[in-house]
Amino acid sequence: MAFFDFLRRNNVAPKRRKMPSYRTYAGANQGRLFADFLASNTSADAELNNSLTVLRNRSRDLARNNEYARRFLNMIKTNVVGEKGFTLQVRARNIDGSLDAAGNQIVEQAFARWSKLGGPEVSGRMSWLDCQRYVAESLARDGEVFAKKVRNNRYRDGFSIQFLEPEMIDTEKNGRARNGNEIRMGVELDQYHRPVAYYVKTRHPNDMAIATAQNAEKLVRVDASEIIHVFIQQRQYQTRGEPFMSAAIASLKMLSGYREAELVAARAAAAKFGIITTPTGEDFVGDDEEQGVPIIDMEPGSYSQLPEGHDFKMIDPTHPTTAFDSFEKAVLRGIASGLNVSYTSLANDLTGVSYSSIRQGTIEERDNYKMLQSFIIEHFCEPVFTAWLDSALDFGSMNIPATQDKFNKFSSNVIFRGRGFAWVDPLKEINASVVAINNGLISMSDVAATYGRDVEDLFSQIQSDKEMADRYGLKTAFEPFGNKSPATPEVDMDEADDGDV
């Protein structure tokens, strides 16, 4: 091989071909059509830290002034909590596996006494049912609920709860605690992002009360064991909750402004006003002047004769526009989707609704309410019950020994049942339930739970009704249990022969 053979072209290593660049996902395109699609890659807390206060304040403003936002919050309270709220059933068992009927009844009756107005909340203005409704509405409106556990002999069973508005947890408190824990938006977290303490203001930062040296705002560190923090976590390591209406706030505000503009324009159109012109633009003397311009007042049904040379030009704006109704419906459908409710429920509009469509919408909507029910039960009702039971046993308000075994026995065997939902077609639902029970597919407990009831309470009530009927010498026309045979119609043969059955 010659000395300079390595310079020959055929010995040069071939260049690697540059592969064309392709976008795997169309949603990741960076062209001009996506130039305004700016998305952040920050953490959940980083995004909430800059927006939480504004989101919460705007959500509250909509709740006060926007009819659709108010309707949404009422739907949450009505469908999640309902008329009677979450009912308690204690199902503790003895060592032999049998139900401890006496102990369960004692706990249920004691909790029912504590639940009455004046007991559950420190101000004495709320019952247990009021507390549940407050939690449901505040969770949807503010995105989170804070409740402080208060143990004091002045309260019923030595226990009560104090609700704290979210702004009382100092959102601007960020940094490091002396023990090395991280503080995010007023919440102290350990290395696993588990809440350790909350930094609570002693009074509302924007309260109307006159500040004095005694009631000046202070920041107090409260241990996490004393605080019940209820919020739906959307992302990992999310410390605070966001309002349910966050995705719909902009559309709700814009729709409200549009409807207001159409309303003002329609009112102006109904007035049927106009302009009087003259050849010189002068010579007209009206009844009055407004900002130097002469005007003339006309009463409905009256006509005025204009002087020679004056001309009247009618201004007749066409409002509301013919597209107003369809446009509002289109926007409201998007808002309803953002709020996870059906359009027909949010807008109170049943126009053109069929049985199948309303059935499908109702099923999906109720699934969302049931999810919220289970969430509130797990994150609020059960923690409150556990704290109350611990205090009530120590307080001695129940005829049950205050031991750890008794506490564990009753605290770990409780069921809170939410309200049930009547079907769109009750007859079909009941017939389907009967068929399912007869074929062993479901139980009486399953059916009772769909109506928000406990089967034991149902049996007890039926037995009580039957005993009352016997006491008064009455016979009921139904027997709820046992084999059923189809009713045989009675036919008058004389009439049947005449062709009339």
Protein backbone atom coordinates (compact mmCIF):
# COMPACT_ATOMS: atom_id res chain seq x y z
CA MET A 1 0.00 0.00 0.00
CA ALA A 2 1.35 3.43 -0.99
CA PHE A 3 2.13 5.95 1.67
CA PHE A 4 -0.70 8.36 0.72
CA ASP A 5 -3.36 5.75 -0.02
CA PHE A 6 -5.29 6.81 3.07
CA LEU A 7 -6.14 10.08 1.28
CA ARG A 8 -8.02 8.32 -1.48
CA ARG A 9 -11.82 8.85 -1.58
CA ASN A 10 -12.71 5.17 -1.44
CA ASN A 11 -10.90 4.84 1.87
CA VAL A 12 -12.76 7.73 3.53
CA ALA A 13 -15.35 6.55 6.07
CA PRO A 14 -18.86 7.22 4.77
CA LYS A 15 -20.80 9.99 6.46
CA ARG A 16 -23.82 8.94 8.54
CA ARG A 17 -27.03 9.98 6.88
CA LYS A 18 -28.99 12.50 8.87
CA MET A 19 -32.39 11.07 9.69
CA PRO A 20 -35.32 13.36 8.97
CA SER A 21 -36.89 14.93 12.05
CA TYR A 22 -40.45 13.87 12.77
CA ARG A 23 -42.87 14.82 15.54
CA THR A 24 -44.18 11.73 17.27
CA TYR A 25 -47.23 13.60 18.60
CA ALA A 26 -49.14 16.19 16.65
CA GLY A 27 -49.89 17.97 19.92
CA ALA A 28 -46.16 18.69 20.30
CA ASN A 29 -45.91 20.67 17.05
CA GLN A 30 -44.10 24.00 17.30
CA GLY A 31 -45.39 25.67 14.14
CA ARG A 32 -47.11 29.03 13.84
CA LEU A 33 -50.50 27.49 14.64
CA PHE A 34 -49.15 26.51 18.07
CA ALA A 35 -47.12 29.65 18.75
CA ASP A 36 -49.56 30.83 21.40
CA PHE A 37 -49.85 27.39 23.03
CA LEU A 38 -47.54 28.03 25.93
CA ALA A 39 -47.53 25.39 28.64
CA SER A 40 -45.52 25.25 31.82
CA ASN A 41 -43.63 22.28 33.22
CA THR A 42 -43.62 23.49 36.82
CA SER A 43 -44.85 21.48 39.79
CA ALA A 44 -48.39 21.61 41.14
CA ASP A 45 -47.34 23.75 44.11
CA ALA A 46 -45.42 26.16 41.90
CA GLU A 47 -48.52 26.75 39.79
CA LEU A 48 -50.86 27.03 42.77
CA ASN A 49 -48.55 29.36 44.66
CA ASN A 50 -48.96 32.01 41.95
CA SER A 51 -52.65 31.48 41.21
CA LEU A 52 -54.46 30.02 44.22
CA THR A 53 -55.55 33.27 45.87
CA VAL A 54 -56.86 34.74 42.59
CA LEU A 55 -58.66 31.52 41.66
CA ARG A 56 -60.33 31.30 45.06
CA ASN A 57 -61.40 34.95 45.09
CA ARG A 58 -62.84 34.76 41.58
CA SER A 59 -64.64 31.53 42.38
CA ARG A 60 -66.25 33.20 45.40
CA ASP A 61 -67.23 36.23 43.32
CA LEU A 62 -68.96 33.96 40.81
CA ALA A 63 -70.70 32.15 43.65
CA ARG A 64 -72.11 35.48 44.85
CA ASN A 65 -73.04 37.07 41.52
CA ASN A 66 -73.32 34.41 38.81
CA GLU A 67 -76.53 32.41 38.61
CA TYR A 68 -74.90 29.37 37.00
CA ALA A 69 -72.11 29.21 39.58
CA ARG A 70 -74.68 29.48 42.35
CA ARG A 71 -76.70 26.74 40.69
CA PHE A 72 -73.63 24.49 40.52
CA LEU A 73 -72.89 24.86 44.24
CA ASN A 74 -76.52 24.15 45.12
CA MET A 75 -76.39 21.02 42.97
CA ILE A 76 -73.31 19.85 44.88
CA LYS A 77 -74.98 20.35 48.26
CA THR A 78 -78.27 18.80 47.18
CA ASN A 79 -76.90 15.73 45.40
CA VAL A 80 -73.86 14.97 47.53
CA VAL A 81 -75.26 15.68 51.01
CA GLY A 82 -79.00 15.85 50.42
CA GLU A 83 -81.82 16.22 52.88
CA LYS A 84 -80.51 13.98 55.67
CA GLY A 85 -76.79 13.90 55.00
CA PHE A 86 -74.48 10.99 55.75
CA THR A 87 -76.01 8.60 58.25
CA LEU A 88 -73.94 6.54 60.65
CA GLN A 89 -74.20 2.79 61.15
CA VAL A 90 -71.89 1.06 63.65
CA ARG A 91 -71.25 -2.61 62.90
CA ALA A 92 -68.85 -3.72 65.63
CA ARG A 93 -68.79 -7.42 66.47
CA ASN A 94 -68.12 -9.46 69.56
CA ILE A 95 -65.29 -11.97 69.92
CA ASP A 96 -67.57 -14.79 68.72
CA GLY A 97 -68.35 -12.87 65.53
CA SER A 98 -71.88 -11.81 66.45
CA LEU A 99 -72.95 -8.19 66.16
CA ASP A 100 -72.64 -6.17 69.35
CA ALA A 101 -76.15 -4.80 69.01
CA ALA A 102 -76.20 -3.14 72.44
CA GLY A 103 -72.82 -1.44 72.03
CA ASN A 104 -73.56 -0.35 68.47
CA GLN A 105 -76.81 1.23 69.56
CA ILE A 106 -75.13 3.09 72.42
CA VAL A 107 -72.52 4.60 70.08
CA GLU A 108 -75.07 5.52 67.41
CA GLN A 109 -77.38 7.22 69.91
CA ALA A 110 -74.50 9.12 71.52
CA PHE A 111 -73.29 10.36 68.13
CA ALA A 112 -76.85 11.38 67.23
CA ARG A 113 -77.03 13.49 70.42
CA TRP A 114 -73.69 15.12 69.62
CA SER A 115 -74.84 15.80 66.04
CA LYS A 116 -77.69 18.06 67.08
CA LEU A 117 -77.51 21.82 66.68
CA GLY A 118 -75.02 23.38 69.06
CA GLY A 119 -72.71 20.38 69.40
CA PRO A 120 -70.48 19.69 66.40
CA GLU A 121 -69.19 23.22 65.69
CA VAL A 122 -67.54 25.58 68.17
CA SER A 123 -69.83 28.56 67.49
CA GLY A 124 -72.91 26.47 68.26
CA ARG A 125 -74.61 27.60 65.04
CA MET A 126 -74.20 24.42 63.04
CA SER A 127 -75.48 20.88 63.36
CA TRP A 128 -73.66 17.85 61.96
CA LEU A 129 -75.84 18.10 58.86
CA ASP A 130 -74.94 21.79 58.47
CA CYS A 131 -71.26 20.88 58.74
CA GLN A 132 -71.57 18.35 55.93
CA ARG A 133 -73.27 20.87 53.65
CA TYR A 134 -70.65 23.47 54.50
CA VAL A 135 -67.85 21.05 53.61
CA ALA A 136 -69.46 20.09 50.29
CA GLU A 137 -70.00 23.71 49.21
CA SER A 138 -66.64 25.01 50.46
CA LEU A 139 -64.80 22.14 48.80
CA ALA A 140 -66.38 23.02 45.43
CA ARG A 141 -66.08 26.79 45.82
CA ASP A 142 -62.70 27.17 47.53
CA GLY A 143 -61.09 23.86 46.59
CA GLU A 144 -60.23 22.90 50.17
CA VAL A 145 -61.62 22.81 53.70
CA PHE A 146 -59.76 23.15 56.99
CA ALA A 147 -61.31 21.92 60.24
CA LYS A 148 -59.53 22.11 63.57
CA LYS A 149 -60.27 19.51 66.24
CA VAL A 150 -61.06 21.19 69.56
CA ARG A 151 -61.21 19.24 72.82
CA ASN A 152 -62.66 21.13 75.77
CA ASN A 153 -65.09 20.32 78.55
CA ARG A 154 -67.31 23.22 77.53
CA TYR A 155 -68.41 21.29 74.42
CA ARG A 156 -70.76 18.33 74.17
CA ASP A 157 -68.80 15.11 74.80
CA GLY A 158 -65.75 17.33 75.21
CA PHE A 159 -65.23 17.68 71.47
CA SER A 160 -66.10 20.09 68.66
CA ILE A 161 -64.65 21.28 65.36
CA GLN A 162 -63.67 24.77 64.20
CA PHE A 163 -63.77 25.56 60.49
CA LEU A 164 -60.93 27.73 59.19
CA GLU A 165 -61.22 29.61 55.91
CA PRO A 166 -58.36 28.72 53.53
CA GLU A 167 -56.77 32.19 53.68
CA MET A 168 -56.20 31.71 57.41
CA ILE A 169 -53.56 29.14 56.46
CA ASP A 170 -50.80 31.54 55.42
CA THR A 171 -50.35 30.96 51.68
CA GLU A 172 -47.26 33.20 51.62
CA LYS A 173 -45.49 31.19 54.30
CA ASN A 174 -42.75 29.39 52.35
CA GLY A 175 -39.28 28.31 53.33
CA ARG A 176 -37.52 26.06 55.83
CA ALA A 177 -38.54 25.36 59.41
CA ARG A 178 -35.95 25.22 62.17
CA ASN A 179 -36.16 21.43 62.21
CA GLY A 180 -35.29 21.30 58.51
CA ASN A 181 -38.78 20.58 57.23
CA GLU A 182 -40.02 22.40 54.15
CA ILE A 183 -42.89 24.90 54.43
CA ARG A 184 -45.12 25.33 51.40
CA MET A 185 -48.03 27.77 51.37
CA GLY A 186 -48.43 27.54 55.14
CA VAL A 187 -48.06 23.75 55.40
CA GLU A 188 -44.98 22.20 56.99
CA LEU A 189 -43.96 18.95 55.28
CA ASP A 190 -41.50 16.21 56.10
CA GLN A 191 -39.14 14.56 53.61
CA TYR A 192 -42.00 12.42 52.26
CA HIS A 193 -44.28 15.42 51.76
CA ARG A 194 -46.44 14.37 54.70
CA PRO A 195 -48.05 17.32 56.55
CA VAL A 196 -46.44 17.89 59.94
CA ALA A 197 -47.96 21.23 60.94
CA TYR A 198 -50.04 24.12 59.65
CA TYR A 199 -49.30 27.83 60.13
CA VAL A 200 -52.64 29.33 61.08
CA LYS A 201 -53.49 33.01 61.45
CA THR A 202 -55.34 33.86 64.65
CA ARG A 203 -57.86 35.98 62.74
CA HIS A 204 -59.00 36.47 59.16
CA PRO A 205 -56.46 38.71 57.37
CA ASN A 206 -59.22 40.86 55.85
CA ASP A 207 -61.75 40.83 58.67
CA MET A 208 -63.72 44.00 59.36
CA ALA A 209 -62.95 43.86 63.07
CA ILE A 210 -60.86 46.72 64.40
CA ALA A 211 -57.33 45.54 65.02
CA THR A 212 -56.02 46.07 68.53
CA ALA A 213 -53.01 44.85 70.44
CA GLN A 214 -55.12 42.02 71.85
CA ASN A 215 -56.64 40.73 68.62
CA ALA A 216 -53.83 41.59 66.21
CA GLU A 217 -53.16 38.96 63.59
CA LYS A 218 -50.64 36.35 64.68
CA LEU A 219 -49.28 33.19 63.12
CA VAL A 220 -49.54 30.01 65.18
CA ARG A 221 -48.00 26.64 64.37
CA VAL A 222 -50.67 23.93 64.79
CA ASP A 223 -49.74 20.26 64.75
CA ALA A 224 -51.14 18.34 61.79
CA SER A 225 -52.90 15.88 64.10
CA GLU A 226 -55.25 18.71 65.11
CA ILE A 227 -56.18 19.73 61.55
CA ILE A 228 -58.43 17.98 59.04
CA HIS A 229 -57.41 19.19 55.58
CA VAL A 230 -59.89 18.16 52.88
CA PHE A 231 -58.95 18.63 49.20
CA ILE A 232 -58.82 16.54 46.05
CA GLN A 233 -55.25 15.92 44.97
CA GLN A 234 -54.88 16.35 41.21
CA ARG A 235 -51.11 15.88 41.01
CA GLN A 236 -48.37 14.27 43.04
CA TYR A 237 -46.96 16.38 45.88
CA GLN A 238 -49.82 18.87 45.70
CA THR A 239 -50.10 20.71 49.01
CA ARG A 240 -53.23 22.86 48.57
CA GLY A 241 -56.51 22.34 46.72
CA GLU A 242 -57.86 24.19 43.71
CA PRO A 243 -61.51 25.30 43.27
CA PHE A 244 -63.76 23.02 41.24
CA MET A 245 -64.69 25.92 38.97
CA SER A 246 -61.08 26.70 37.96
CA ALA A 247 -61.45 25.37 34.41
CA ALA A 248 -64.76 27.21 33.90
CA ILE A 249 -64.05 30.56 35.57
CA ALA A 250 -63.06 32.34 32.36
CA SER A 251 -66.05 31.04 30.38
CA LEU A 252 -68.50 31.85 33.19
CA LYS A 253 -67.21 35.42 33.38
CA MET A 254 -67.24 35.93 29.61
CA LEU A 255 -70.73 34.46 29.25
CA SER A 256 -71.99 36.71 32.03
CA GLY A 257 -70.54 39.76 30.27
CA TYR A 258 -72.04 38.69 26.94
CA ARG A 259 -75.48 38.18 28.44
CA GLU A 260 -75.29 41.57 30.15
CA ALA A 261 -74.34 43.26 26.87
CA GLU A 262 -77.21 41.56 25.05
CA LEU A 263 -79.63 42.53 27.80
CA VAL A 264 -78.60 46.20 27.65
CA ALA A 265 -78.76 46.17 23.86
CA ALA A 266 -82.20 44.55 23.89
CA ARG A 267 -83.45 47.13 26.37
CA ALA A 268 -82.13 49.92 24.17
CA ALA A 269 -83.76 48.32 21.12
CA ALA A 270 -87.10 48.14 22.90
CA ALA A 271 -86.96 51.92 23.55
CA LYS A 272 -87.16 52.67 19.77
CA PHE A 273 -85.16 55.87 19.80
CA GLY A 274 -83.96 57.96 16.88
CA ILE A 275 -82.18 61.13 15.72
CA ILE A 276 -83.68 64.38 14.41
CA THR A 277 -81.63 66.04 11.66
CA THR A 278 -81.83 69.50 10.08
CA PRO A 279 -80.16 70.89 6.92
CA THR A 280 -77.80 73.07 8.95
CA GLY A 281 -77.44 70.84 11.99
CA GLU A 282 -78.88 73.64 14.09
CA ASP A 283 -82.29 75.29 14.54
CA PHE A 284 -83.59 72.38 16.66
CA VAL A 285 -84.73 73.16 20.15
CA GLY A 286 -85.58 70.10 22.22
CA ASP A 287 -87.30 69.65 25.53
CA ASP A 288 -84.02 69.32 27.36
CA GLU A 289 -80.28 69.12 26.85
CA GLU A 290 -77.88 66.39 27.75
CA GLN A 291 -74.18 67.29 27.45
CA GLY A 292 -75.06 70.18 25.15
CA VAL A 293 -77.16 68.09 22.75
CA PRO A 294 -80.88 68.96 22.55
CA ILE A 295 -83.21 66.02 23.13
CA ILE A 296 -86.95 65.56 22.88
CA ASP A 297 -88.99 63.30 25.15
CA MET A 298 -91.71 61.12 23.62
CA GLU A 299 -94.28 59.09 25.48
CA PRO A 300 -95.34 55.64 24.25
CA GLY A 301 -98.15 55.82 21.69
CA SER A 302 -97.68 59.54 21.04
CA TYR A 303 -96.54 61.33 17.88
CA SER A 304 -94.92 64.73 17.46
CA GLN A 305 -95.02 67.04 14.44
CA LEU A 306 -91.63 68.28 13.35
CA PRO A 307 -91.04 71.74 11.90
CA GLU A 308 -90.30 72.16 8.20
CA GLY A 309 -86.82 71.00 7.27
CA HIS A 310 -86.50 68.57 10.18
CA ASP A 311 -86.18 64.86 9.56
CA PHE A 312 -86.47 61.96 12.00
CA LYS A 313 -84.32 58.88 11.48
CA MET A 314 -85.22 55.78 13.48
CA ILE A 315 -82.46 53.74 15.12
CA ASP A 316 -83.63 50.16 15.49
CA PRO A 317 -80.91 47.79 16.73
CA THR A 318 -81.89 44.15 16.35
CA HIS A 319 -81.30 42.67 19.77
CA PRO A 320 -81.20 40.11 21.10
CA THR A 321 -79.73 38.44 18.04
CA THR A 322 -81.27 35.28 16.68
CA ALA A 323 -78.05 33.40 17.44
CA PHE A 324 -78.12 34.35 21.13
CA ASP A 325 -79.92 31.22 22.33
CA SER A 326 -77.81 28.71 20.41
CA PHE A 327 -74.58 30.51 21.31
CA GLU A 328 -75.40 30.57 25.00
CA LYS A 329 -76.24 26.86 24.93
CA ALA A 330 -72.94 26.04 23.23
CA VAL A 331 -70.95 27.96 25.84
CA LEU A 332 -72.96 26.47 28.70
CA ARG A 333 -72.30 22.94 27.44
CA GLY A 334 -68.58 23.59 27.68
CA ILE A 335 -69.00 25.07 31.16
CA ALA A 336 -71.06 22.07 32.28
CA SER A 337 -68.35 19.73 31.01
CA GLY A 338 -65.74 21.69 32.98
CA LEU A 339 -67.88 21.42 36.12
CA ASN A 340 -68.53 17.69 35.50
CA VAL A 341 -72.31 18.08 35.52
CA SER A 342 -74.92 17.69 32.79
CA TYR A 343 -76.02 20.68 30.71
CA THR A 344 -79.71 20.01 31.37
CA SER A 345 -79.15 20.18 35.14
CA LEU A 346 -76.93 23.27 35.09
CA ALA A 347 -79.11 25.25 32.68
CA ASN A 348 -82.49 23.92 33.88
CA ASP A 349 -83.21 23.26 30.22
CA LEU A 350 -85.14 20.13 29.26
CA THR A 351 -85.92 21.27 25.72
CA GLY A 352 -85.67 18.39 23.26
CA VAL A 353 -84.60 15.92 25.94
CA SER A 354 -85.53 12.29 25.38
CA TYR A 355 -85.78 9.51 27.95
CA SER A 356 -82.59 7.79 26.78
CA SER A 357 -80.53 10.99 26.67
CA ILE A 358 -81.56 12.21 30.11
CA ARG A 359 -81.00 8.71 31.48
CA GLN A 360 -77.46 8.59 30.15
CA GLY A 361 -76.67 12.09 31.42
CA THR A 362 -78.19 11.36 34.81
CA ILE A 363 -76.17 8.16 35.27
CA GLU A 364 -72.85 9.87 34.52
CA GLU A 365 -73.69 12.85 36.70
CA ARG A 366 -74.72 10.69 39.65
CA ASP A 367 -71.51 8.68 39.38
CA ASN A 368 -69.65 11.95 39.96
CA TYR A 369 -71.79 12.74 43.01
CA LYS A 370 -71.20 9.26 44.42
CA MET A 371 -67.45 9.75 44.04
CA LEU A 372 -67.70 13.00 45.99
CA GLN A 373 -69.80 11.26 48.62
CA SER A 374 -67.18 8.58 49.22
CA PHE A 375 -64.43 11.22 49.23
CA ILE A 376 -66.13 13.39 51.88
CA ILE A 377 -66.94 10.32 53.98
CA GLU A 378 -63.34 9.11 53.95
CA HIS A 379 -61.62 12.49 54.35
CA PHE A 380 -64.04 14.29 56.69
CA CYS A 381 -66.82 12.22 58.25
CA GLU A 382 -64.70 9.28 59.42
CA PRO A 383 -61.86 11.45 60.87
CA VAL A 384 -64.41 13.55 62.77
CA PHE A 385 -66.16 10.45 64.11
CA THR A 386 -62.87 8.92 65.22
CA ALA A 387 -61.86 12.09 67.06
CA TRP A 388 -65.33 12.39 68.64
CA LEU A 389 -65.33 8.73 69.77
CA ASP A 390 -61.94 9.13 71.43
CA SER A 391 -63.15 12.21 73.30
CA ALA A 392 -66.56 10.76 74.18
CA LEU A 393 -65.01 7.63 75.71
CA ASP A 394 -62.65 9.75 77.81
CA PHE A 395 -65.47 12.13 78.70
CA GLY A 396 -67.56 9.25 80.01
CA SER A 397 -70.72 10.16 78.12
CA MET A 398 -71.30 6.53 77.06
CA ASN A 399 -71.72 3.44 79.18
CA ILE A 400 -68.66 1.85 77.54
CA PRO A 401 -65.25 1.40 79.18
CA ALA A 402 -62.67 3.89 77.90
CA THR A 403 -60.12 1.33 76.77
CA GLN A 404 -58.02 1.12 73.64
CA ASP A 405 -59.67 -2.16 72.68
CA LYS A 406 -63.15 -0.61 72.84
CA PHE A 407 -61.98 2.39 70.84
CA ASN A 408 -60.47 0.21 68.12
CA LYS A 409 -63.55 -2.03 68.10
CA PHE A 410 -66.02 0.77 67.36
CA SER A 411 -63.82 3.18 65.39
CA SER A 412 -62.87 0.57 62.80
CA ASN A 413 -66.39 -0.76 62.20
CA VAL A 414 -68.42 2.23 61.09
CA ILE A 415 -70.26 2.93 57.86
CA PHE A 416 -71.43 6.33 56.67
CA ARG A 417 -74.12 6.09 54.02
CA GLY A 418 -74.81 8.93 51.65
CA ARG A 419 -78.14 9.83 50.15
CA GLY A 420 -79.60 7.56 47.50
CA PHE A 421 -80.97 8.50 44.10
CA ALA A 422 -84.39 7.74 42.70
CA TRP A 423 -84.32 6.31 39.20
CA VAL A 424 -85.67 8.05 36.13
CA ASP A 425 -88.22 5.24 35.84
CA PRO A 426 -88.82 3.91 39.41
CA LEU A 427 -91.06 1.02 38.31
CA LYS A 428 -88.41 -0.45 36.01
CA GLU A 429 -85.74 -0.04 38.68
CA ILE A 430 -87.80 -1.80 41.35
CA ASN A 431 -88.73 -4.67 39.04
CA ALA A 432 -85.08 -5.11 38.07
CA SER A 433 -84.06 -5.19 41.74
CA VAL A 434 -86.71 -7.83 42.53
CA VAL A 435 -85.50 -10.03 39.67
CA ALA A 436 -81.87 -9.62 40.75
CA ILE A 437 -82.69 -10.55 44.37
CA ASN A 438 -84.71 -13.60 43.34
CA ASN A 439 -81.79 -14.81 41.24
CA GLY A 440 -79.22 -14.20 43.96
CA LEU A 441 -77.33 -11.50 42.06
CA ILE A 442 -77.73 -8.83 44.72
CA SER A 443 -78.87 -8.65 48.33
CA MET A 444 -81.38 -6.57 50.25
CA SER A 445 -78.44 -4.63 51.66
CA ASP A 446 -77.38 -3.66 48.13
CA VAL A 447 -80.84 -2.40 47.25
CA ALA A 448 -81.25 -0.48 50.50
CA ALA A 449 -77.83 1.14 50.01
CA THR A 450 -78.88 2.53 46.62
CA TYR A 451 -81.58 4.50 48.43
CA GLY A 452 -79.16 5.64 51.13
CA ARG A 453 -80.65 3.36 53.78
CA ASP A 454 -79.40 0.56 56.00
CA VAL A 455 -81.15 -2.79 55.64
CA GLU A 456 -81.28 -3.32 59.41
CA ASP A 457 -83.08 0.00 59.85
CA LEU A 458 -85.39 -1.00 57.01
CA PHE A 459 -86.31 -4.30 58.65
CA SER A 460 -86.78 -2.59 62.00
CA GLN A 461 -89.10 -0.02 60.52
CA ILE A 462 -91.17 -2.65 58.69
CA GLN A 463 -91.49 -4.67 61.89
CA SER A 464 -92.51 -1.56 63.79
CA ASP A 465 -95.18 -0.74 61.18
CA LYS A 466 -96.59 -4.28 61.37
CA GLU A 467 -96.72 -4.18 65.18
CA MET A 468 -98.47 -0.84 65.09
CA ALA A 469 -101.01 -2.13 62.58
CA ASP A 470 -101.72 -5.16 64.81
CA ARG A 471 -102.13 -2.89 67.81
CA TYR A 472 -104.81 -0.92 66.03
CA GLY A 473 -106.44 -4.00 64.52
CA LEU A 474 -105.49 -3.12 60.94
CA LYS A 475 -104.38 -5.41 58.13
CA THR A 476 -101.79 -4.21 55.66
CA ALA A 477 -102.34 -4.84 51.98
CA PHE A 478 -98.76 -5.93 51.35
CA GLU A 479 -96.23 -8.48 52.52
CA PRO A 480 -92.73 -7.30 51.62
CA PHE A 481 -91.00 -10.70 51.76
CA GLY A 482 -91.82 -14.19 50.56
CA ASN A 483 -92.68 -15.86 47.28
CA LYS A 484 -94.88 -13.84 45.02
CA SER A 485 -97.28 -15.24 42.48
CA PRO A 486 -98.71 -13.11 39.70
CA ALA A 487 -102.15 -11.73 40.37
CA THR A 488 -104.99 -13.52 38.54
CA PRO A 489 -107.54 -11.11 37.07
CA GLU A 490 -111.15 -11.73 37.95
CA VAL A 491 -113.42 -11.81 34.91
CA ASP A 492 -117.18 -11.41 34.98
CA MET A 493 -118.31 -14.20 32.59
CA ASP A 494 -121.64 -12.49 31.93
CA GLU A 495 -119.84 -9.43 30.68
CA ALA A 496 -117.27 -11.57 28.88
CA ASP A 497 -120.04 -13.20 26.87
CA ASP A 498 -121.13 -9.76 25.77
CA GLY A 499 -117.59 -9.06 24.56
CA ASP A 500 -116.91 -6.56 27.34
CA VAL A 501 -114.22 -7.71 29.79
